Amino acid sequence: MRKNPVKVGDKFNKLTVTQIISERRTGGKQAGQKRRFLLCSCECGGTIKREPSDITRGMVQSCGCIRKTAGGLSNTLEYRMWKGAQKRAEEKGLPFNIEVSDIVIPKVCPLLEIPLKDCKGAAGDSSPSLDRLIPHLGYVKGNILVISFRANQIKNCASLDELMLLADNLHGIFTS
């Protein structure tokens, strides 16, 4: 028996449990066995019926409105980058007014000239990364650029003058 059974009124992400339904399976080896479902209302007004584990483990977070509100882009890298930027802006108290369509991923990093590729989860040197050109201005239109994760790491704490000095001095060392 579960320690904390799901109850009507429990909230998971955008879903609130409104009814617990038991249905008997029809057909197959498990015909006649009872199966539980949760009927949930979504914050947007929609409803959804799913197995409890799908909802309690976060596999289903809404009635589908999350995907719809992102213009069908919720499974794209641009949307994930936008959502991450939104979260970082909130955590750091930075301005945020960009839209998913403002994030344009080039084929090549404009700073290091390396091909950009989606590393699916773990950020690699060639992963696209959303950069704030002037960090304190936040994630606002005209202040973002998609560059490689490596380029973003390099310029993370340095000013333009520091980067220029570094490049000039390295060039002097290697050419002398």
N, C-alpha and C. Protein backbone atom coordinates (compact mmCIF):
# COMPACT_ATOMS: atom_id res chain seq x y z
N MET A 1 0.83 -1.18 0.00
CA MET A 1 0.00 0.00 0.00
C MET A 1 0.88 1.25 0.00
N ARG A 2 0.46 2.28 -0.74
CA ARG A 2 1.21 3.52 -0.84
C ARG A 2 1.16 4.30 0.46
N LYS A 3 2.26 5.00 0.74
CA LYS A 3 2.31 5.84 1.94
C LYS A 3 1.42 7.06 1.79
N ASN A 4 1.44 7.69 0.63
CA ASN A 4 0.66 8.90 0.38
C ASN A 4 -0.23 8.71 -0.84
N PRO A 5 -1.40 8.12 -0.69
CA PRO A 5 -2.25 7.92 -1.87
C PRO A 5 -2.74 9.27 -2.43
N VAL A 6 -2.95 9.28 -3.72
CA VAL A 6 -3.45 10.48 -4.39
C VAL A 6 -4.89 10.70 -3.98
N LYS A 7 -5.23 11.97 -3.71
CA LYS A 7 -6.59 12.32 -3.30
C LYS A 7 -7.16 13.39 -4.23
N VAL A 8 -8.47 13.47 -4.29
CA VAL A 8 -9.13 14.54 -5.02
C VAL A 8 -8.66 15.86 -4.41
N GLY A 9 -8.29 16.80 -5.25
CA GLY A 9 -7.79 18.09 -4.79
C GLY A 9 -6.28 18.21 -4.84
N ASP A 10 -5.57 17.07 -4.93
CA ASP A 10 -4.11 17.12 -5.03
C ASP A 10 -3.71 17.82 -6.32
N LYS A 11 -2.64 18.62 -6.25
CA LYS A 11 -2.17 19.37 -7.42
C LYS A 11 -0.80 18.87 -7.84
N PHE A 12 -0.65 18.64 -9.13
CA PHE A 12 0.61 18.22 -9.74
C PHE A 12 0.86 19.11 -10.95
N ASN A 13 1.88 19.97 -10.87
CA ASN A 13 2.18 20.91 -11.94
C ASN A 13 0.94 21.76 -12.24
N LYS A 14 0.40 21.71 -13.46
CA LYS A 14 -0.78 22.51 -13.80
C LYS A 14 -2.09 21.74 -13.59
N LEU A 15 -1.99 20.50 -13.11
CA LEU A 15 -3.16 19.63 -12.99
C LEU A 15 -3.64 19.49 -11.55
N THR A 16 -4.96 19.49 -11.37
CA THR A 16 -5.59 19.24 -10.07
C THR A 16 -6.51 18.04 -10.23
N VAL A 17 -6.36 17.05 -9.34
CA VAL A 17 -7.18 15.84 -9.39
C VAL A 17 -8.61 16.19 -9.02
N THR A 18 -9.55 15.87 -9.93
CA THR A 18 -10.97 16.14 -9.66
C THR A 18 -11.76 14.87 -9.39
N GLN A 19 -11.24 13.74 -9.86
CA GLN A 19 -11.96 12.48 -9.68
C GLN A 19 -11.00 11.31 -9.85
N ILE A 20 -11.22 10.26 -9.05
CA ILE A 20 -10.43 9.03 -9.20
C ILE A 20 -11.38 7.98 -9.76
N ILE A 21 -11.00 7.39 -10.87
CA ILE A 21 -11.87 6.47 -11.60
C ILE A 21 -11.26 5.07 -11.61
N SER A 22 -12.07 4.06 -11.36
CA SER A 22 -11.65 2.67 -11.52
C SER A 22 -12.43 2.09 -12.68
N GLU A 23 -11.73 1.48 -13.60
CA GLU A 23 -12.37 0.84 -14.77
C GLU A 23 -11.83 -0.57 -14.91
N ARG A 24 -12.66 -1.45 -15.39
CA ARG A 24 -12.23 -2.82 -15.66
C ARG A 24 -11.68 -2.89 -17.07
N ARG A 25 -10.58 -3.62 -17.20
CA ARG A 25 -9.99 -3.81 -18.53
C ARG A 25 -10.90 -4.69 -19.37
N THR A 26 -10.92 -4.43 -20.65
CA THR A 26 -11.70 -5.26 -21.56
C THR A 26 -10.74 -5.88 -22.56
N GLY A 27 -10.76 -7.18 -22.67
CA GLY A 27 -9.92 -7.89 -23.62
C GLY A 27 -8.50 -8.09 -23.14
N GLY A 28 -7.83 -9.01 -23.78
CA GLY A 28 -6.43 -9.30 -23.44
C GLY A 28 -6.31 -10.17 -22.21
N LYS A 29 -5.06 -10.45 -21.82
CA LYS A 29 -4.79 -11.31 -20.66
C LYS A 29 -5.29 -10.71 -19.36
N GLN A 30 -5.35 -9.39 -19.30
CA GLN A 30 -5.73 -8.73 -18.05
C GLN A 30 -7.20 -8.30 -18.03
N ALA A 31 -8.02 -8.90 -18.89
CA ALA A 31 -9.44 -8.55 -18.95
C ALA A 31 -10.08 -8.76 -17.58
N GLY A 32 -10.87 -7.79 -17.17
CA GLY A 32 -11.57 -7.88 -15.89
C GLY A 32 -10.82 -7.24 -14.74
N GLN A 33 -9.52 -7.04 -14.88
CA GLN A 33 -8.75 -6.41 -13.80
C GLN A 33 -9.10 -4.92 -13.72
N LYS A 34 -9.07 -4.41 -12.49
CA LYS A 34 -9.35 -2.99 -12.31
C LYS A 34 -8.11 -2.15 -12.63
N ARG A 35 -8.38 -1.00 -13.17
CA ARG A 35 -7.33 -0.07 -13.54
C ARG A 35 -7.74 1.31 -13.07
N ARG A 36 -6.83 2.05 -12.41
CA ARG A 36 -7.15 3.37 -11.88
C ARG A 36 -6.73 4.47 -12.85
N PHE A 37 -7.54 5.50 -12.89
CA PHE A 37 -7.23 6.70 -13.66
C PHE A 37 -7.52 7.91 -12.80
N LEU A 38 -6.84 9.00 -13.11
CA LEU A 38 -7.13 10.27 -12.47
C LEU A 38 -7.74 11.19 -13.51
N LEU A 39 -8.87 11.77 -13.18
CA LEU A 39 -9.46 12.80 -14.01
C LEU A 39 -8.99 14.12 -13.40
N CYS A 40 -8.33 14.94 -14.19
CA CYS A 40 -7.74 16.17 -13.68
C CYS A 40 -8.20 17.37 -14.49
N SER A 41 -8.34 18.49 -13.80
CA SER A 41 -8.59 19.76 -14.49
C SER A 41 -7.26 20.50 -14.56
N CYS A 42 -7.09 21.20 -15.65
CA CYS A 42 -5.85 21.94 -15.89
C CYS A 42 -6.09 23.41 -15.58
N GLU A 43 -5.04 24.13 -15.25
CA GLU A 43 -5.14 25.56 -14.96
C GLU A 43 -5.75 26.34 -16.12
N CYS A 44 -5.59 25.83 -17.34
CA CYS A 44 -6.11 26.53 -18.51
C CYS A 44 -7.60 26.28 -18.72
N GLY A 45 -8.18 25.34 -17.94
CA GLY A 45 -9.60 25.00 -18.08
C GLY A 45 -9.84 23.67 -18.76
N GLY A 46 -8.81 23.08 -19.33
CA GLY A 46 -8.94 21.79 -19.99
C GLY A 46 -8.98 20.65 -18.97
N THR A 47 -9.28 19.45 -19.46
CA THR A 47 -9.29 18.26 -18.60
C THR A 47 -8.49 17.16 -19.27
N ILE A 48 -8.07 16.20 -18.44
CA ILE A 48 -7.29 15.08 -18.94
C ILE A 48 -7.52 13.88 -18.04
N LYS A 49 -7.51 12.69 -18.62
CA LYS A 49 -7.66 11.44 -17.86
C LYS A 49 -6.41 10.62 -18.11
N ARG A 50 -5.68 10.31 -17.05
CA ARG A 50 -4.43 9.56 -17.17
C ARG A 50 -4.23 8.64 -15.99
N GLU A 51 -3.29 7.70 -16.14
CA GLU A 51 -2.91 6.83 -15.03
C GLU A 51 -2.20 7.65 -13.97
N PRO A 52 -2.38 7.32 -12.69
CA PRO A 52 -1.78 8.11 -11.62
C PRO A 52 -0.26 8.28 -11.75
N SER A 53 0.45 7.22 -12.12
CA SER A 53 1.91 7.32 -12.19
C SER A 53 2.37 8.34 -13.22
N ASP A 54 1.64 8.49 -14.33
CA ASP A 54 2.00 9.48 -15.35
C ASP A 54 1.98 10.89 -14.77
N ILE A 55 1.01 11.13 -13.90
CA ILE A 55 0.83 12.47 -13.34
C ILE A 55 1.73 12.70 -12.14
N THR A 56 1.80 11.72 -11.23
CA THR A 56 2.58 11.92 -10.00
C THR A 56 4.08 11.97 -10.28
N ARG A 57 4.55 11.31 -11.33
CA ARG A 57 5.98 11.34 -11.66
C ARG A 57 6.34 12.49 -12.61
N GLY A 58 5.35 13.31 -12.97
CA GLY A 58 5.62 14.48 -13.80
C GLY A 58 5.73 14.21 -15.28
N MET A 59 5.38 13.01 -15.71
CA MET A 59 5.45 12.70 -17.14
C MET A 59 4.39 13.49 -17.91
N VAL A 60 3.27 13.77 -17.25
CA VAL A 60 2.21 14.60 -17.82
C VAL A 60 2.05 15.78 -16.88
N GLN A 61 2.25 17.00 -17.39
CA GLN A 61 2.21 18.18 -16.53
C GLN A 61 1.04 19.10 -16.81
N SER A 62 0.34 18.87 -17.92
CA SER A 62 -0.81 19.70 -18.27
C SER A 62 -1.71 18.89 -19.20
N CYS A 63 -2.79 19.52 -19.61
CA CYS A 63 -3.71 18.85 -20.54
C CYS A 63 -3.16 18.87 -21.96
N GLY A 64 -2.02 19.48 -22.14
CA GLY A 64 -1.41 19.65 -23.47
C GLY A 64 -1.25 21.12 -23.80
N CYS A 65 -1.77 21.97 -22.89
CA CYS A 65 -1.72 23.41 -23.15
C CYS A 65 -0.30 23.95 -23.14
N ILE A 66 0.60 23.33 -22.40
CA ILE A 66 1.99 23.82 -22.37
C ILE A 66 2.55 23.77 -23.79
N ARG A 67 2.34 22.67 -24.46
CA ARG A 67 2.83 22.53 -25.83
C ARG A 67 2.13 23.52 -26.75
N LYS A 68 0.81 23.70 -26.54
CA LYS A 68 0.05 24.60 -27.40
C LYS A 68 0.45 26.05 -27.20
N THR A 69 0.70 26.45 -25.96
CA THR A 69 1.03 27.85 -25.69
C THR A 69 2.39 28.22 -26.25
N ALA A 70 3.22 27.27 -26.50
CA ALA A 70 4.53 27.56 -27.09
C ALA A 70 4.45 27.52 -28.61
N GLY A 71 3.23 27.59 -29.14
CA GLY A 71 3.05 27.56 -30.58
C GLY A 71 3.50 26.24 -31.18
N GLY A 72 3.40 25.16 -30.40
CA GLY A 72 3.82 23.86 -30.89
C GLY A 72 5.32 23.68 -30.87
N LEU A 73 6.03 24.57 -30.21
CA LEU A 73 7.49 24.55 -30.22
C LEU A 73 8.11 23.93 -28.98
N SER A 74 7.30 23.39 -28.07
CA SER A 74 7.85 22.96 -26.78
C SER A 74 8.88 21.84 -26.88
N ASN A 75 8.93 21.15 -27.99
CA ASN A 75 9.93 20.09 -28.13
C ASN A 75 11.15 20.55 -28.91
N THR A 76 11.25 21.85 -29.16
CA THR A 76 12.39 22.36 -29.93
C THR A 76 13.49 22.87 -29.00
N LEU A 77 14.69 22.92 -29.53
CA LEU A 77 15.82 23.44 -28.77
C LEU A 77 15.60 24.93 -28.46
N GLU A 78 15.05 25.66 -29.41
CA GLU A 78 14.79 27.09 -29.18
C GLU A 78 13.87 27.30 -27.98
N TYR A 79 12.83 26.48 -27.89
CA TYR A 79 11.91 26.62 -26.76
C TYR A 79 12.61 26.28 -25.45
N ARG A 80 13.40 25.21 -25.44
CA ARG A 80 14.12 24.84 -24.20
C ARG A 80 15.09 25.93 -23.78
N MET A 81 15.75 26.56 -24.76
CA MET A 81 16.66 27.66 -24.45
C MET A 81 15.88 28.85 -23.90
N TRP A 82 14.73 29.15 -24.50
CA TRP A 82 13.88 30.25 -24.06
C TRP A 82 13.40 30.02 -22.63
N LYS A 83 12.94 28.80 -22.37
CA LYS A 83 12.43 28.47 -21.04
C LYS A 83 13.54 28.57 -20.00
N GLY A 84 14.74 28.09 -20.33
CA GLY A 84 15.88 28.18 -19.43
C GLY A 84 16.26 29.62 -19.15
N ALA A 85 16.23 30.46 -20.19
CA ALA A 85 16.55 31.88 -20.02
C ALA A 85 15.51 32.56 -19.14
N GLN A 86 14.27 32.20 -19.32
CA GLN A 86 13.18 32.76 -18.51
C GLN A 86 13.41 32.42 -17.03
N LYS A 87 13.80 31.20 -16.76
CA LYS A 87 14.05 30.76 -15.38
C LYS A 87 15.26 31.49 -14.79
N ARG A 88 16.35 31.59 -15.56
CA ARG A 88 17.55 32.28 -15.07
C ARG A 88 17.27 33.76 -14.82
N ALA A 89 16.49 34.38 -15.70
CA ALA A 89 16.15 35.80 -15.52
C ALA A 89 15.37 36.00 -14.22
N GLU A 90 14.44 35.10 -13.97
CA GLU A 90 13.65 35.20 -12.74
C GLU A 90 14.53 35.01 -11.51
N GLU A 91 15.41 34.00 -11.55
CA GLU A 91 16.30 33.72 -10.41
C GLU A 91 17.26 34.87 -10.13
N LYS A 92 17.73 35.54 -11.20
CA LYS A 92 18.73 36.61 -11.05
C LYS A 92 18.12 38.00 -11.01
N GLY A 93 16.80 38.08 -11.15
CA GLY A 93 16.13 39.38 -11.15
C GLY A 93 16.47 40.22 -12.36
N LEU A 94 16.64 39.57 -13.51
CA LEU A 94 17.00 40.27 -14.75
C LEU A 94 15.77 40.52 -15.61
N PRO A 95 15.80 41.57 -16.41
CA PRO A 95 14.71 41.81 -17.35
C PRO A 95 14.60 40.66 -18.36
N PHE A 96 13.36 40.38 -18.80
CA PHE A 96 13.11 39.29 -19.76
C PHE A 96 11.94 39.68 -20.63
N ASN A 97 12.16 39.84 -21.94
CA ASN A 97 11.03 40.11 -22.83
C ASN A 97 11.16 39.41 -24.18
N ILE A 98 12.05 38.43 -24.26
CA ILE A 98 12.23 37.74 -25.55
C ILE A 98 11.14 36.70 -25.76
N GLU A 99 10.97 36.34 -27.00
CA GLU A 99 10.04 35.29 -27.39
C GLU A 99 10.84 34.15 -28.03
N VAL A 100 10.21 33.00 -28.15
CA VAL A 100 10.89 31.85 -28.75
C VAL A 100 11.41 32.23 -30.13
N SER A 101 10.64 33.00 -30.87
CA SER A 101 11.04 33.37 -32.24
C SER A 101 12.27 34.29 -32.28
N ASP A 102 12.63 34.90 -31.15
CA ASP A 102 13.83 35.73 -31.09
C ASP A 102 15.11 34.90 -31.04
N ILE A 103 14.97 33.62 -30.73
CA ILE A 103 16.14 32.75 -30.61
C ILE A 103 16.39 32.07 -31.95
N VAL A 104 17.44 32.51 -32.61
CA VAL A 104 17.81 31.97 -33.92
C VAL A 104 19.15 31.26 -33.76
N ILE A 105 19.15 29.96 -34.03
CA ILE A 105 20.37 29.17 -33.87
C ILE A 105 21.10 29.06 -35.21
N PRO A 106 22.29 29.66 -35.31
CA PRO A 106 23.05 29.55 -36.56
C PRO A 106 23.69 28.17 -36.68
N LYS A 107 24.15 27.84 -37.85
CA LYS A 107 24.82 26.55 -38.05
C LYS A 107 26.22 26.56 -37.43
N VAL A 108 26.82 27.75 -37.36
CA VAL A 108 28.19 27.90 -36.87
C VAL A 108 28.22 28.99 -35.79
N CYS A 109 29.00 28.78 -34.75
CA CYS A 109 29.16 29.78 -33.70
C CYS A 109 29.75 31.05 -34.30
N PRO A 110 29.09 32.19 -34.13
CA PRO A 110 29.62 33.43 -34.71
C PRO A 110 30.91 33.93 -34.05
N LEU A 111 31.27 33.40 -32.89
CA LEU A 111 32.49 33.85 -32.22
C LEU A 111 33.66 32.90 -32.42
N LEU A 112 33.43 31.60 -32.33
CA LEU A 112 34.53 30.63 -32.45
C LEU A 112 34.53 29.89 -33.79
N GLU A 113 33.51 30.13 -34.60
CA GLU A 113 33.40 29.52 -35.93
C GLU A 113 33.44 28.00 -35.90
N ILE A 114 32.82 27.40 -34.86
CA ILE A 114 32.70 25.94 -34.81
C ILE A 114 31.25 25.57 -35.08
N PRO A 115 31.00 24.42 -35.71
CA PRO A 115 29.62 24.01 -35.97
C PRO A 115 28.86 23.82 -34.65
N LEU A 116 27.61 24.27 -34.63
CA LEU A 116 26.77 24.11 -33.45
C LEU A 116 25.91 22.86 -33.61
N LYS A 117 25.78 22.10 -32.52
CA LYS A 117 24.93 20.91 -32.57
C LYS A 117 24.27 20.69 -31.22
N ASP A 118 23.04 20.21 -31.26
CA ASP A 118 22.27 19.93 -30.05
C ASP A 118 22.80 18.65 -29.42
N CYS A 119 23.36 18.77 -28.24
CA CYS A 119 23.93 17.60 -27.55
C CYS A 119 22.90 16.87 -26.69
N LYS A 120 21.64 17.21 -26.84
CA LYS A 120 20.53 16.51 -26.16
C LYS A 120 20.74 16.35 -24.66
N GLY A 121 20.70 17.45 -23.95
CA GLY A 121 20.77 17.38 -22.49
C GLY A 121 22.08 17.90 -21.93
N ALA A 122 23.14 17.13 -22.06
CA ALA A 122 24.44 17.54 -21.51
C ALA A 122 25.07 18.57 -22.45
N ALA A 123 25.42 19.72 -21.91
CA ALA A 123 26.02 20.77 -22.74
C ALA A 123 27.45 20.41 -23.09
N GLY A 124 27.75 20.43 -24.37
CA GLY A 124 29.10 20.21 -24.85
C GLY A 124 29.63 21.52 -25.40
N ASP A 125 30.91 21.57 -25.72
CA ASP A 125 31.52 22.79 -26.23
C ASP A 125 30.78 23.35 -27.44
N SER A 126 30.26 22.48 -28.29
CA SER A 126 29.60 22.94 -29.52
C SER A 126 28.08 23.08 -29.38
N SER A 127 27.57 22.96 -28.17
CA SER A 127 26.13 23.14 -27.94
C SER A 127 25.75 24.61 -28.10
N PRO A 128 24.60 24.90 -28.69
CA PRO A 128 24.15 26.29 -28.74
C PRO A 128 23.86 26.80 -27.33
N SER A 129 24.22 28.04 -27.09
CA SER A 129 24.05 28.65 -25.78
C SER A 129 23.55 30.08 -25.97
N LEU A 130 22.59 30.48 -25.16
CA LEU A 130 22.02 31.82 -25.29
C LEU A 130 22.85 32.80 -24.47
N ASP A 131 23.44 33.76 -25.14
CA ASP A 131 24.32 34.73 -24.50
C ASP A 131 23.62 36.08 -24.37
N ARG A 132 23.85 36.74 -23.23
CA ARG A 132 23.43 38.14 -23.04
C ARG A 132 24.63 38.98 -23.43
N LEU A 133 24.52 39.74 -24.49
CA LEU A 133 25.65 40.52 -24.98
C LEU A 133 26.15 41.48 -23.90
N ILE A 134 25.23 42.19 -23.27
CA ILE A 134 25.55 43.04 -22.12
C ILE A 134 24.81 42.41 -20.94
N PRO A 135 25.52 41.66 -20.11
CA PRO A 135 24.88 40.82 -19.09
C PRO A 135 23.84 41.49 -18.21
N HIS A 136 24.11 42.70 -17.71
CA HIS A 136 23.17 43.32 -16.77
C HIS A 136 21.86 43.78 -17.43
N LEU A 137 21.82 43.85 -18.76
CA LEU A 137 20.58 44.24 -19.44
C LEU A 137 19.56 43.11 -19.48
N GLY A 138 20.02 41.89 -19.25
CA GLY A 138 19.12 40.74 -19.19
C GLY A 138 18.80 40.14 -20.55
N TYR A 139 17.75 39.34 -20.56
CA TYR A 139 17.33 38.64 -21.76
C TYR A 139 16.25 39.49 -22.43
N VAL A 140 16.71 40.50 -23.15
CA VAL A 140 15.78 41.41 -23.82
C VAL A 140 16.11 41.45 -25.30
N LYS A 141 15.11 41.82 -26.09
CA LYS A 141 15.28 41.89 -27.54
C LYS A 141 16.49 42.77 -27.89
N GLY A 142 17.33 42.27 -28.80
CA GLY A 142 18.51 43.00 -29.22
C GLY A 142 19.74 42.75 -28.35
N ASN A 143 19.57 42.05 -27.23
CA ASN A 143 20.70 41.81 -26.32
C ASN A 143 21.07 40.34 -26.22
N ILE A 144 20.53 39.52 -27.11
CA ILE A 144 20.84 38.09 -27.05
C ILE A 144 21.47 37.63 -28.36
N LEU A 145 22.28 36.59 -28.24
CA LEU A 145 22.94 35.99 -29.39
C LEU A 145 23.17 34.53 -29.06
N VAL A 146 22.91 33.66 -30.01
CA VAL A 146 23.20 32.24 -29.80
C VAL A 146 24.62 31.99 -30.26
N ILE A 147 25.43 31.53 -29.31
CA ILE A 147 26.83 31.20 -29.57
C ILE A 147 27.09 29.80 -29.02
N SER A 148 28.30 29.31 -29.18
CA SER A 148 28.62 27.98 -28.64
C SER A 148 28.76 28.07 -27.12
N PHE A 149 28.50 26.96 -26.46
CA PHE A 149 28.66 26.87 -25.01
C PHE A 149 30.08 27.25 -24.62
N ARG A 150 31.04 26.81 -25.42
CA ARG A 150 32.46 27.11 -25.15
C ARG A 150 32.72 28.62 -25.21
N ALA A 151 32.21 29.28 -26.24
CA ALA A 151 32.39 30.73 -26.37
C ALA A 151 31.73 31.45 -25.20
N ASN A 152 30.58 30.96 -24.78
CA ASN A 152 29.88 31.58 -23.66
C ASN A 152 30.68 31.42 -22.37
N GLN A 153 31.30 30.25 -22.20
CA GLN A 153 32.14 30.04 -21.02
C GLN A 153 33.33 31.00 -21.03
N ILE A 154 33.96 31.14 -22.19
CA ILE A 154 35.14 32.00 -22.30
C ILE A 154 34.80 33.44 -21.96
N LYS A 155 33.69 33.94 -22.48
CA LYS A 155 33.37 35.35 -22.26
C LYS A 155 32.54 35.59 -21.00
N ASN A 156 32.26 34.55 -20.27
CA ASN A 156 31.38 34.63 -19.11
C ASN A 156 31.70 35.76 -18.15
N CYS A 157 32.92 35.85 -17.69
CA CYS A 157 33.27 36.84 -16.66
C CYS A 157 34.17 37.95 -17.19
N ALA A 158 34.58 37.88 -18.43
CA ALA A 158 35.54 38.84 -18.95
C ALA A 158 34.85 40.00 -19.66
N SER A 159 35.46 41.16 -19.56
CA SER A 159 34.98 42.32 -20.32
C SER A 159 35.58 42.24 -21.72
N LEU A 160 35.06 43.05 -22.63
CA LEU A 160 35.60 43.09 -23.98
C LEU A 160 37.06 43.52 -23.96
N ASP A 161 37.39 44.51 -23.13
CA ASP A 161 38.80 44.96 -23.02
C ASP A 161 39.71 43.83 -22.54
N GLU A 162 39.25 43.06 -21.56
CA GLU A 162 40.05 41.94 -21.05
C GLU A 162 40.24 40.88 -22.13
N LEU A 163 39.20 40.60 -22.89
CA LEU A 163 39.30 39.60 -23.96
C LEU A 163 40.26 40.07 -25.05
N MET A 164 40.19 41.35 -25.40
CA MET A 164 41.09 41.90 -26.42
C MET A 164 42.54 41.84 -25.93
N LEU A 165 42.78 42.22 -24.67
CA LEU A 165 44.12 42.18 -24.11
C LEU A 165 44.64 40.74 -24.09
N LEU A 166 43.81 39.82 -23.70
CA LEU A 166 44.18 38.40 -23.68
C LEU A 166 44.58 37.94 -25.08
N ALA A 167 43.74 38.25 -26.06
CA ALA A 167 44.03 37.84 -27.44
C ALA A 167 45.31 38.48 -27.96
N ASP A 168 45.48 39.78 -27.72
CA ASP A 168 46.69 40.47 -28.17
C ASP A 168 47.94 39.87 -27.54
N ASN A 169 47.91 39.63 -26.23
CA ASN A 169 49.07 39.08 -25.53
C ASN A 169 49.36 37.64 -25.97
N LEU A 170 48.32 36.84 -26.16
CA LEU A 170 48.54 35.47 -26.66
C LEU A 170 49.15 35.51 -28.06
N HIS A 171 48.63 36.39 -28.88
CA HIS A 171 49.17 36.52 -30.25
C HIS A 171 50.64 36.90 -30.18
N GLY A 172 50.99 37.84 -29.29
CA GLY A 172 52.39 38.26 -29.14
C GLY A 172 53.29 37.13 -28.68
N ILE A 173 52.81 36.29 -27.76
CA ILE A 173 53.59 35.17 -27.24
C ILE A 173 53.85 34.13 -28.32
N PHE A 174 52.82 33.82 -29.10
CA PHE A 174 52.95 32.76 -30.11
C PHE A 174 53.66 33.21 -31.38
N THR A 175 53.73 34.52 -31.63
CA THR A 175 54.38 34.98 -32.85
C THR A 175 55.80 35.50 -32.60
N SER A 176 56.26 35.49 -31.35
CA SER A 176 57.62 35.99 -31.08
C SER A 176 58.63 34.87 -31.03
